[in-house]
């Protein structure tokens, strides 16, 4: 609904044929999936890095586990995406 509101001024519906409207809407869905993938990748890195930061606080090895956690978070997100 928001996409229709924001794009109505840029892409008049009455000018575009039906197949063009469908293709235009599908591209929004694909774009949102890439944005969601990027956010989940960043969240995994931050979450595992924060967990490593907490472990570093307990053990007194300040950047070691935070860096390892960020690396594991990036690798875990990359492996779970199927790429």
Protein backbone atom coordinates (compact mmCIF):
# COMPACT_ATOMS: atom_id res chain seq x y z
CA UNK A 1 0.00 0.00 0.00
CA UNK A 2 2.82 2.43 0.82
CA UNK A 3 4.65 1.52 -2.38
CA UNK A 4 1.54 2.31 -4.37
CA UNK A 5 1.19 5.67 -2.61
CA UNK A 6 4.82 6.70 -3.08
CA UNK A 7 5.13 5.55 -6.69
CA UNK A 8 1.79 6.89 -7.90
CA UNK A 9 3.31 10.31 -8.61
CA UNK A 10 6.29 8.84 -10.48
CA UNK A 11 4.66 6.04 -12.46
CA UNK A 12 1.12 6.78 -13.55
CA UNK A 13 -0.86 3.55 -13.62
CA UNK A 14 -3.06 4.62 -16.51
CA UNK A 15 -0.06 4.89 -18.88
CA UNK A 16 1.54 1.54 -18.10
CA UNK A 17 0.13 -1.64 -19.68
CA UNK A 18 -0.93 -4.49 -17.40
CA UNK A 19 2.21 -6.60 -17.91
CA UNK A 20 4.44 -3.61 -17.12
CA UNK A 21 2.56 -2.98 -13.87
CA UNK A 22 3.08 -6.58 -12.80
CA UNK A 23 6.79 -6.45 -13.59
CA UNK A 24 7.12 -3.18 -11.69
CA UNK A 25 5.48 -4.66 -8.59
CA UNK A 26 7.61 -7.79 -8.71
CA UNK A 27 10.79 -5.73 -8.73
CA UNK A 28 9.74 -4.14 -5.44
CA UNK A 29 9.37 -7.59 -3.86
CA UNK A 30 12.80 -8.66 -5.03
CA UNK A 31 14.37 -5.45 -3.75
CA UNK A 32 12.85 -5.87 -0.32
CA UNK A 33 14.22 -9.39 -0.06
CA UNK A 34 17.73 -8.07 -0.75
CA UNK A 35 17.31 -5.35 1.88
CA UNK A 36 16.12 -7.96 4.39
CA UNK A 37 19.12 -10.13 3.57
CA UNK A 38 21.47 -7.20 4.17
CA UNK A 39 19.86 -6.37 7.51
CA UNK A 40 19.97 -9.98 8.68
CA UNK A 41 23.64 -10.21 7.65
CA UNK A 42 24.47 -7.06 9.63
CA UNK A 43 22.41 -8.25 12.61
CA UNK A 44 24.23 -11.61 12.69
CA UNK A 45 27.63 -9.88 12.68
CA UNK A 46 26.57 -7.46 15.43
CA UNK A 47 24.91 -10.14 17.57
CA UNK A 48 27.86 -12.54 17.47
CA UNK A 49 30.31 -9.66 17.91
CA UNK A 50 28.38 -8.49 20.98
CA UNK A 51 28.41 -12.01 22.37
CA UNK A 52 32.17 -12.10 21.84
CA UNK A 53 32.46 -8.72 23.55
CA UNK A 54 30.68 -10.14 26.63
CA UNK A 55 32.97 -13.19 26.66
CA UNK A 56 35.95 -10.85 26.37
CA UNK A 57 34.71 -8.93 29.41
CA UNK A 58 34.53 -12.13 31.45
CA UNK A 59 37.93 -13.43 30.35
CA UNK A 60 39.78 -10.11 30.03
CA UNK A 61 40.87 -10.73 26.41
CA UNK A 62 39.28 -7.57 25.05
CA UNK A 63 39.27 -7.61 21.22
CA UNK A 64 39.90 -11.32 20.64
CA UNK A 65 36.47 -12.91 21.04
CA UNK A 66 34.64 -9.86 19.70
CA UNK A 67 36.53 -10.18 16.42
CA UNK A 68 36.08 -13.94 16.33
CA UNK A 69 32.36 -13.52 17.09
CA UNK A 70 31.95 -10.96 14.29
CA UNK A 71 33.72 -13.33 11.89
CA UNK A 72 31.56 -16.26 12.96
CA UNK A 73 28.45 -14.10 12.60
CA UNK A 74 29.41 -13.18 9.05
CA UNK A 75 30.29 -16.74 8.11
CA UNK A 76 27.17 -18.13 9.77
CA UNK A 77 24.91 -15.70 7.89
CA UNK A 78 26.71 -16.40 4.63
CA UNK A 79 26.42 -20.17 5.05
CA UNK A 80 22.78 -20.10 6.07
CA UNK A 81 21.79 -18.01 3.03
CA UNK A 82 22.77 -20.87 0.76
CA UNK A 83 25.48 -18.95 -1.12
